[in-house]
PDB file of all heavy atoms in Angstrom:
ATOM      1  N   ASN A   1       0.823  -1.191  -0.004  1.00  0.00           N
ATOM      2  CA  ASN A   1       0.008  -0.009   0.001  1.00  0.00           C
ATOM      3  C   ASN A   1       0.856   1.222   0.012  1.00  0.00           C
ATOM      4  O   ASN A   1       2.069   1.185   0.290  1.00  0.00           O
ATOM      5  CB  ASN A   1      -0.891  -0.010   1.238  1.00  0.00           C
ATOM      6  CG  ASN A   1      -1.839  -1.172   1.268  1.00  0.00           C
ATOM      7  OD1 ASN A   1      -2.306  -1.677   0.244  1.00  0.00           O
ATOM      8  ND2 ASN A   1      -2.164  -1.639   2.493  1.00  0.00           N
ATOM      9  N   SER A   2       0.236   2.372  -0.332  1.00  0.00           N
ATOM     10  CA  SER A   2       0.953   3.664  -0.330  1.00  0.00           C
ATOM     11  C   SER A   2       2.280   3.573  -1.099  1.00  0.00           C
ATOM     12  O   SER A   2       3.322   3.997  -0.616  1.00  0.00           O
ATOM     13  CB  SER A   2       1.236   4.126   1.114  1.00  0.00           C
ATOM     14  OG  SER A   2       0.009   4.279   1.847  1.00  0.00           O
ATOM     15  N   LEU A   3       2.206   3.008  -2.250  1.00  0.00           N
ATOM     16  CA  LEU A   3       3.426   2.763  -3.043  1.00  0.00           C
ATOM     17  C   LEU A   3       4.087   4.051  -3.455  1.00  0.00           C
ATOM     18  O   LEU A   3       3.447   5.068  -3.726  1.00  0.00           O
ATOM     19  CB  LEU A   3       3.066   1.915  -4.274  1.00  0.00           C
ATOM     20  CG  LEU A   3       2.896   0.436  -3.982  1.00  0.00           C
ATOM     21  CD1 LEU A   3       2.122  -0.273  -5.098  1.00  0.00           C
ATOM     22  CD2 LEU A   3       4.227  -0.231  -3.750  1.00  0.00           C
ATOM     23  N   LYS A   4       5.418   3.984  -3.466  1.00  0.00           N
ATOM     24  CA  LYS A   4       6.263   5.129  -3.838  1.00  0.00           C
ATOM     25  C   LYS A   4       7.116   4.800  -5.049  1.00  0.00           C
ATOM     26  O   LYS A   4       7.391   3.626  -5.285  1.00  0.00           O
ATOM     27  CB  LYS A   4       7.194   5.480  -2.649  1.00  0.00           C
ATOM     28  CG  LYS A   4       6.468   5.756  -1.344  1.00  0.00           C
ATOM     29  CD  LYS A   4       7.492   5.952  -0.248  1.00  0.00           C
ATOM     30  CE  LYS A   4       6.793   6.229   1.107  1.00  0.00           C
ATOM     31  NZ  LYS A   4       7.759   6.447   2.202  1.00  0.00           N
ATOM     32  N   PRO A   5       7.584   5.773  -5.798  1.00  0.00           N
ATOM     33  CA  PRO A   5       8.444   5.475  -6.932  1.00  0.00           C
ATOM     34  C   PRO A   5       9.642   4.628  -6.558  1.00  0.00           C
ATOM     35  O   PRO A   5      10.092   3.785  -7.365  1.00  0.00           O
ATOM     36  CB  PRO A   5       8.840   6.867  -7.432  1.00  0.00           C
ATOM     37  CG  PRO A   5       7.684   7.738  -7.061  1.00  0.00           C
ATOM     38  CD  PRO A   5       7.228   7.208  -5.743  1.00  0.00           C
ATOM     39  N   GLU A   6      10.166   4.818  -5.358  1.00  0.00           N
ATOM     40  CA  GLU A   6      11.361   4.053  -4.945  1.00  0.00           C
ATOM     41  C   GLU A   6      11.020   2.570  -4.663  1.00  0.00           C
ATOM     42  O   GLU A   6      11.929   1.789  -4.433  1.00  0.00           O
ATOM     43  CB  GLU A   6      12.011   4.687  -3.711  1.00  0.00           C
ATOM     44  CG  GLU A   6      11.087   4.977  -2.575  1.00  0.00           C
ATOM     45  CD  GLU A   6      10.614   6.430  -2.561  1.00  0.00           C
ATOM     46  OE1 GLU A   6      10.257   6.962  -3.636  1.00  0.00           O
ATOM     47  OE2 GLU A   6      10.567   7.021  -1.472  1.00  0.00           O
ATOM     48  N   ASP A   7       9.753   2.199  -4.687  1.00  0.00           N
ATOM     49  CA  ASP A   7       9.386   0.792  -4.602  1.00  0.00           C
ATOM     50  C   ASP A   7       9.498   0.068  -5.927  1.00  0.00           C
ATOM     51  O   ASP A   7       9.344  -1.182  -5.961  1.00  0.00           O
ATOM     52  CB  ASP A   7       7.941   0.659  -4.065  1.00  0.00           C
ATOM     53  CG  ASP A   7       7.774   1.171  -2.653  1.00  0.00           C
ATOM     54  OD1 ASP A   7       8.670   0.920  -1.805  1.00  0.00           O
ATOM     55  OD2 ASP A   7       6.770   1.828  -2.376  1.00  0.00           O
ATOM     56  N   THR A   8       9.783   0.785  -6.945  1.00  0.00           N
ATOM     57  CA  THR A   8       9.924   0.179  -8.286  1.00  0.00           C
ATOM     58  C   THR A   8      11.029  -0.845  -8.350  1.00  0.00           C
ATOM     59  O   THR A   8      12.118  -0.633  -7.786  1.00  0.00           O
ATOM     60  CB  THR A   8      10.186   1.266  -9.350  1.00  0.00           C
ATOM     61  OG1 THR A   8       9.028   2.113  -9.433  1.00  0.00           O
ATOM     62  CG2 THR A   8      10.506   0.675 -10.718  1.00  0.00           C
ATOM     63  N   GLY A   9      10.743  -1.962  -8.989  1.00  0.00           N
ATOM     64  CA  GLY A   9      11.761  -3.022  -9.135  1.00  0.00           C
ATOM     65  C   GLY A   9      11.122  -4.345  -9.494  1.00  0.00           C
ATOM     66  O   GLY A   9       9.887  -4.436  -9.606  1.00  0.00           O
ATOM     67  N   VAL A  10      11.964  -5.327  -9.645  1.00  0.00           N
ATOM     68  CA  VAL A  10      11.490  -6.696  -9.817  1.00  0.00           C
ATOM     69  C   VAL A  10      11.424  -7.357  -8.453  1.00  0.00           C
ATOM     70  O   VAL A  10      12.398  -7.334  -7.699  1.00  0.00           O
ATOM     71  CB  VAL A  10      12.391  -7.517 -10.772  1.00  0.00           C
ATOM     72  CG1 VAL A  10      11.884  -8.911 -10.951  1.00  0.00           C
ATOM     73  CG2 VAL A  10      12.526  -6.811 -12.129  1.00  0.00           C
ATOM     74  N   TYR A  11      10.279  -7.899  -8.150  1.00  0.00           N
ATOM     75  CA  TYR A  11      10.037  -8.550  -6.851  1.00  0.00           C
ATOM     76  C   TYR A  11      10.150 -10.058  -7.021  1.00  0.00           C
ATOM     77  O   TYR A  11       9.524 -10.652  -7.910  1.00  0.00           O
ATOM     78  CB  TYR A  11       8.685  -8.113  -6.301  1.00  0.00           C
ATOM     79  CG  TYR A  11       8.723  -6.720  -5.725  1.00  0.00           C
ATOM     80  CD1 TYR A  11       8.849  -5.614  -6.582  1.00  0.00           C
ATOM     81  CD2 TYR A  11       8.586  -6.512  -4.360  1.00  0.00           C
ATOM     82  CE1 TYR A  11       8.867  -4.319  -6.034  1.00  0.00           C
ATOM     83  CE2 TYR A  11       8.622  -5.252  -3.835  1.00  0.00           C
ATOM     84  CZ  TYR A  11       8.792  -4.155  -4.683  1.00  0.00           C
ATOM     85  OH  TYR A  11       8.811  -2.847  -4.176  1.00  0.00           O
ATOM     86  N   TYR A  12      10.909 -10.669  -6.088  1.00  0.00           N
ATOM     87  CA  TYR A  12      11.150 -12.104  -6.121  1.00  0.00           C
ATOM     88  C   TYR A  12      10.716 -12.711  -4.779  1.00  0.00           C
ATOM     89  O   TYR A  12      10.993 -12.138  -3.726  1.00  0.00           O
ATOM     90  CB  TYR A  12      12.616 -12.392  -6.302  1.00  0.00           C
ATOM     91  CG  TYR A  12      13.251 -11.859  -7.566  1.00  0.00           C
ATOM     92  CD1 TYR A  12      13.800 -10.595  -7.625  1.00  0.00           C
ATOM     93  CD2 TYR A  12      13.295 -12.637  -8.712  1.00  0.00           C
ATOM     94  CE1 TYR A  12      14.401 -10.097  -8.749  1.00  0.00           C
ATOM     95  CE2 TYR A  12      13.895 -12.167  -9.887  1.00  0.00           C
ATOM     96  CZ  TYR A  12      14.448 -10.889  -9.880  1.00  0.00           C
ATOM     97  OH  TYR A  12      15.044 -10.421 -11.050  1.00  0.00           O
ATOM     98  N   CYS A  13      10.165 -13.879  -4.824  1.00  0.00           N
ATOM     99  CA  CYS A  13       9.992 -14.642  -3.601  1.00  0.00           C
ATOM    100  C   CYS A  13      11.120 -15.660  -3.450  1.00  0.00           C
ATOM    101  O   CYS A  13      11.772 -16.029  -4.439  1.00  0.00           O
ATOM    102  CB  CYS A  13       8.629 -15.243  -3.414  1.00  0.00           C
ATOM    103  SG  CYS A  13       8.223 -16.545  -4.576  1.00  0.00           S
ATOM    104  N   ASN A  14      11.357 -16.069  -2.235  1.00  0.00           N
ATOM    105  CA  ASN A  14      12.530 -16.862  -1.899  1.00  0.00           C
ATOM    106  C   ASN A  14      12.236 -17.813  -0.785  1.00  0.00           C
ATOM    107  O   ASN A  14      11.477 -17.526   0.148  1.00  0.00           O
ATOM    108  CB  ASN A  14      13.687 -15.910  -1.513  1.00  0.00           C
ATOM    109  CG  ASN A  14      14.829 -16.631  -0.841  1.00  0.00           C
ATOM    110  OD1 ASN A  14      14.843 -16.807   0.380  1.00  0.00           O
ATOM    111  ND2 ASN A  14      15.799 -17.030  -1.642  1.00  0.00           N
ATOM    112  N   THR A  15      12.891 -18.965  -0.861  1.00  0.00           N
ATOM    113  CA  THR A  15      12.964 -19.843   0.267  1.00  0.00           C
ATOM    114  C   THR A  15      14.274 -20.589   0.199  1.00  0.00           C
ATOM    115  O   THR A  15      14.985 -20.527  -0.772  1.00  0.00           O
ATOM    116  CB  THR A  15      11.790 -20.855   0.327  1.00  0.00           C
ATOM    117  OG1 THR A  15      11.760 -21.495   1.614  1.00  0.00           O
ATOM    118  CG2 THR A  15      11.918 -21.929  -0.762  1.00  0.00           C
ATOM    119  N   GLN A  16      14.656 -21.215   1.322  1.00  0.00           N
ATOM    120  CA  GLN A  16      15.871 -21.967   1.377  1.00  0.00           C
ATOM    121  C   GLN A  16      15.620 -23.416   1.788  1.00  0.00           C
ATOM    122  O   GLN A  16      14.792 -23.678   2.643  1.00  0.00           O
ATOM    123  CB  GLN A  16      16.838 -21.347   2.410  1.00  0.00           C
ATOM    124  CG  GLN A  16      17.471 -20.046   1.980  1.00  0.00           C
ATOM    125  CD  GLN A  16      18.551 -19.578   2.948  1.00  0.00           C
ATOM    126  OE1 GLN A  16      18.640 -20.032   4.084  1.00  0.00           O
ATOM    127  NE2 GLN A  16      19.386 -18.658   2.503  1.00  0.00           N
ATOM    128  N   LEU A  17      16.358 -24.316   1.129  1.00  0.00           N
ATOM    129  CA  LEU A  17      16.305 -25.732   1.457  1.00  0.00           C
ATOM    130  C   LEU A  17      17.726 -26.211   1.560  1.00  0.00           C
ATOM    131  O   LEU A  17      18.477 -26.105   0.596  1.00  0.00           O
ATOM    132  CB  LEU A  17      15.534 -26.482   0.345  1.00  0.00           C
ATOM    133  CG  LEU A  17      15.514 -28.000   0.482  1.00  0.00           C
ATOM    134  CD1 LEU A  17      14.806 -28.441   1.762  1.00  0.00           C
ATOM    135  CD2 LEU A  17      14.849 -28.626  -0.725  1.00  0.00           C
ATOM    136  N   LEU A  18      18.078 -26.676   2.735  1.00  0.00           N
ATOM    137  CA  LEU A  18      19.445 -27.142   2.998  1.00  0.00           C
ATOM    138  C   LEU A  18      20.465 -26.119   2.573  1.00  0.00           C
ATOM    139  O   LEU A  18      21.460 -26.433   1.895  1.00  0.00           O
ATOM    140  CB  LEU A  18      19.701 -28.484   2.257  1.00  0.00           C
ATOM    141  CG  LEU A  18      18.752 -29.638   2.632  1.00  0.00           C
ATOM    142  CD1 LEU A  18      19.021 -30.858   1.766  1.00  0.00           C
ATOM    143  CD2 LEU A  18      18.897 -29.976   4.084  1.00  0.00           C
ATOM    144  N   SER A  19      20.228 -24.862   2.944  1.00  0.00           N
ATOM    145  CA  SER A  19      21.129 -23.707   2.685  1.00  0.00           C
ATOM    146  C   SER A  19      21.232 -23.358   1.240  1.00  0.00           C
ATOM    147  O   SER A  19      22.060 -22.533   0.846  1.00  0.00           O
ATOM    148  CB  SER A  19      22.532 -24.040   3.232  1.00  0.00           C
ATOM    149  OG  SER A  19      22.488 -24.215   4.636  1.00  0.00           O
ATOM    150  N   VAL A  20      20.362 -23.885   0.427  1.00  0.00           N
ATOM    151  CA  VAL A  20      20.310 -23.513  -1.003  1.00  0.00           C
ATOM    152  C   VAL A  20      19.137 -22.575  -1.212  1.00  0.00           C
ATOM    153  O   VAL A  20      18.016 -22.870  -0.805  1.00  0.00           O
ATOM    154  CB  VAL A  20      20.176 -24.737  -1.917  1.00  0.00           C
ATOM    155  CG1 VAL A  20      20.007 -24.313  -3.382  1.00  0.00           C
ATOM    156  CG2 VAL A  20      21.349 -25.661  -1.740  1.00  0.00           C
ATOM    157  N   ASP A  21      19.396 -21.416  -1.852  1.00  0.00           N
ATOM    158  CA  ASP A  21      18.333 -20.442  -2.125  1.00  0.00           C
ATOM    159  C   ASP A  21      17.567 -20.875  -3.402  1.00  0.00           C
ATOM    160  O   ASP A  21      18.127 -21.244  -4.423  1.00  0.00           O
ATOM    161  CB  ASP A  21      18.942 -19.080  -2.358  1.00  0.00           C
ATOM    162  CG  ASP A  21      19.259 -18.359  -1.052  1.00  0.00           C
ATOM    163  OD1 ASP A  21      18.355 -18.215  -0.234  1.00  0.00           O
ATOM    164  OD2 ASP A  21      20.433 -17.959  -0.906  1.00  0.00           O
ATOM    165  N   PHE A  22      16.255 -20.755  -3.295  1.00  0.00           N
ATOM    166  CA  PHE A  22      15.388 -20.944  -4.466  1.00  0.00           C
ATOM    167  C   PHE A  22      14.618 -19.657  -4.712  1.00  0.00           C
ATOM    168  O   PHE A  22      14.117 -19.002  -3.773  1.00  0.00           O
ATOM    169  CB  PHE A  22      14.410 -22.097  -4.206  1.00  0.00           C
ATOM    170  CG  PHE A  22      15.088 -23.436  -4.143  1.00  0.00           C
ATOM    171  CD1 PHE A  22      15.607 -23.956  -2.961  1.00  0.00           C
ATOM    172  CD2 PHE A  22      15.271 -24.170  -5.342  1.00  0.00           C
ATOM    173  CE1 PHE A  22      16.242 -25.166  -2.931  1.00  0.00           C
ATOM    174  CE2 PHE A  22      15.912 -25.414  -5.291  1.00  0.00           C
ATOM    175  CZ  PHE A  22      16.398 -25.902  -4.098  1.00  0.00           C
ATOM    176  N   TRP A  23      14.538 -19.303  -6.015  1.00  0.00           N
ATOM    177  CA  TRP A  23      13.943 -18.057  -6.422  1.00  0.00           C
ATOM    178  C   TRP A  23      12.909 -18.283  -7.501  1.00  0.00           C
ATOM    179  O   TRP A  23      13.064 -19.216  -8.324  1.00  0.00           O
ATOM    180  CB  TRP A  23      15.021 -17.113  -6.997  1.00  0.00           C
ATOM    181  CG  TRP A  23      16.142 -16.772  -6.092  1.00  0.00           C
ATOM    182  CD1 TRP A  23      17.327 -17.413  -5.956  1.00  0.00           C
ATOM    183  CD2 TRP A  23      16.170 -15.718  -5.121  1.00  0.00           C
ATOM    184  NE1 TRP A  23      18.119 -16.818  -5.019  1.00  0.00           N
ATOM    185  CE2 TRP A  23      17.427 -15.775  -4.476  1.00  0.00           C
ATOM    186  CE3 TRP A  23      15.279 -14.715  -4.784  1.00  0.00           C
ATOM    187  CZ2 TRP A  23      17.793 -14.873  -3.479  1.00  0.00           C
ATOM    188  CZ3 TRP A  23      15.614 -13.810  -3.787  1.00  0.00           C
ATOM    189  CH2 TRP A  23      16.878 -13.878  -3.148  1.00  0.00           C
ATOM    190  N   GLY A  24      11.963 -17.400  -7.550  1.00  0.00           N
ATOM    191  CA  GLY A  24      11.059 -17.382  -8.694  1.00  0.00           C
ATOM    192  C   GLY A  24      11.672 -16.530  -9.819  1.00  0.00           C
ATOM    193  O   GLY A  24      12.779 -16.050  -9.720  1.00  0.00           O
ATOM    194  N   GLN A  25      10.892 -16.348 -10.877  1.00  0.00           N
ATOM    195  CA  GLN A  25      11.349 -15.583 -12.035  1.00  0.00           C
ATOM    196  C   GLN A  25      11.199 -14.088 -11.845  1.00  0.00           C
ATOM    197  O   GLN A  25      11.791 -13.304 -12.576  1.00  0.00           O
ATOM    198  CB  GLN A  25      10.595 -16.043 -13.275  1.00  0.00           C
ATOM    199  CG  GLN A  25       9.219 -15.358 -13.480  1.00  0.00           C
ATOM    200  CD  GLN A  25       8.150 -15.881 -12.493  1.00  0.00           C
ATOM    201  OE1 GLN A  25       8.366 -16.855 -11.775  1.00  0.00           O
ATOM    202  NE2 GLN A  25       7.036 -15.185 -12.471  1.00  0.00           N
ATOM    203  N   GLY A  26      10.432 -13.719 -10.804  1.00  0.00           N
ATOM    204  CA  GLY A  26      10.225 -12.294 -10.500  1.00  0.00           C
ATOM    205  C   GLY A  26       9.007 -11.712 -11.207  1.00  0.00           C
ATOM    206  O   GLY A  26       8.540 -12.227 -12.225  1.00  0.00           O
ATOM    207  N   THR A  27       8.488 -10.649 -10.622  1.00  0.00           N
ATOM    208  CA  THR A  27       7.399  -9.882 -11.206  1.00  0.00           C
ATOM    209  C   THR A  27       7.678  -8.397 -11.091  1.00  0.00           C
ATOM    210  O   THR A  27       8.160  -7.929 -10.041  1.00  0.00           O
ATOM    211  CB  THR A  27       6.064 -10.295 -10.512  1.00  0.00           C
ATOM    212  OG1 THR A  27       4.966  -9.669 -11.205  1.00  0.00           O
ATOM    213  CG2 THR A  27       6.016  -9.877  -9.035  1.00  0.00           C
ATOM    214  N   GLN A  28       7.460  -7.677 -12.169  1.00  0.00           N
ATOM    215  CA  GLN A  28       7.838  -6.286 -12.236  1.00  0.00           C
ATOM    216  C   GLN A  28       6.779  -5.372 -11.605  1.00  0.00           C
ATOM    217  O   GLN A  28       5.614  -5.446 -11.938  1.00  0.00           O
ATOM    218  CB  GLN A  28       8.026  -5.866 -13.722  1.00  0.00           C
ATOM    219  CG  GLN A  28       8.337  -4.391 -13.913  1.00  0.00           C
ATOM    220  CD  GLN A  28       9.739  -4.006 -13.424  1.00  0.00           C
ATOM    221  OE1 GLN A  28      10.701  -4.715 -13.723  1.00  0.00           O
ATOM    222  NE2 GLN A  28       9.822  -2.905 -12.716  1.00  0.00           N
ATOM    223  N   VAL A  29       7.263  -4.518 -10.719  1.00  0.00           N
ATOM    224  CA  VAL A  29       6.409  -3.509 -10.109  1.00  0.00           C
ATOM    225  C   VAL A  29       6.999  -2.128 -10.512  1.00  0.00           C
ATOM    226  O   VAL A  29       8.188  -1.855 -10.266  1.00  0.00           O
ATOM    227  CB  VAL A  29       6.391  -3.620  -8.587  1.00  0.00           C
ATOM    228  CG1 VAL A  29       5.629  -2.423  -7.945  1.00  0.00           C
ATOM    229  CG2 VAL A  29       5.721  -4.913  -8.150  1.00  0.00           C
ATOM    230  N   THR A  30       6.184  -1.328 -11.127  1.00  0.00           N
ATOM    231  CA  THR A  30       6.608   0.008 -11.538  1.00  0.00           C
ATOM    232  C   THR A  30       5.663   1.040 -10.931  1.00  0.00           C
ATOM    233  O   THR A  30       4.428   0.956 -11.156  1.00  0.00           O
ATOM    234  CB  THR A  30       6.637   0.166 -13.050  1.00  0.00           C
ATOM    235  OG1 THR A  30       7.498  -0.828 -13.614  1.00  0.00           O
ATOM    236  CG2 THR A  30       7.119   1.562 -13.465  1.00  0.00           C
ATOM    237  N   VAL A  31       6.169   1.956 -10.133  1.00  0.00           N
ATOM    238  CA  VAL A  31       5.410   2.993  -9.490  1.00  0.00           C
ATOM    239  C   VAL A  31       5.752   4.300 -10.154  1.00  0.00           C
ATOM    240  O   VAL A  31       6.856   4.826  -9.999  1.00  0.00           O
ATOM    241  CB  VAL A  31       5.644   3.043  -7.985  1.00  0.00           C
ATOM    242  CG1 VAL A  31       4.700   4.077  -7.332  1.00  0.00           C
ATOM    243  CG2 VAL A  31       5.476   1.689  -7.368  1.00  0.00           C
TER     244      VAL A  31
END
């Protein structure tokens, strides 16, 4: 909420399994 221009970027979700990072492909947010 109350998004600002500085919130612009590609947003990724993340989790770790046995110290290995897993990432999605990302989704673009432009404010």
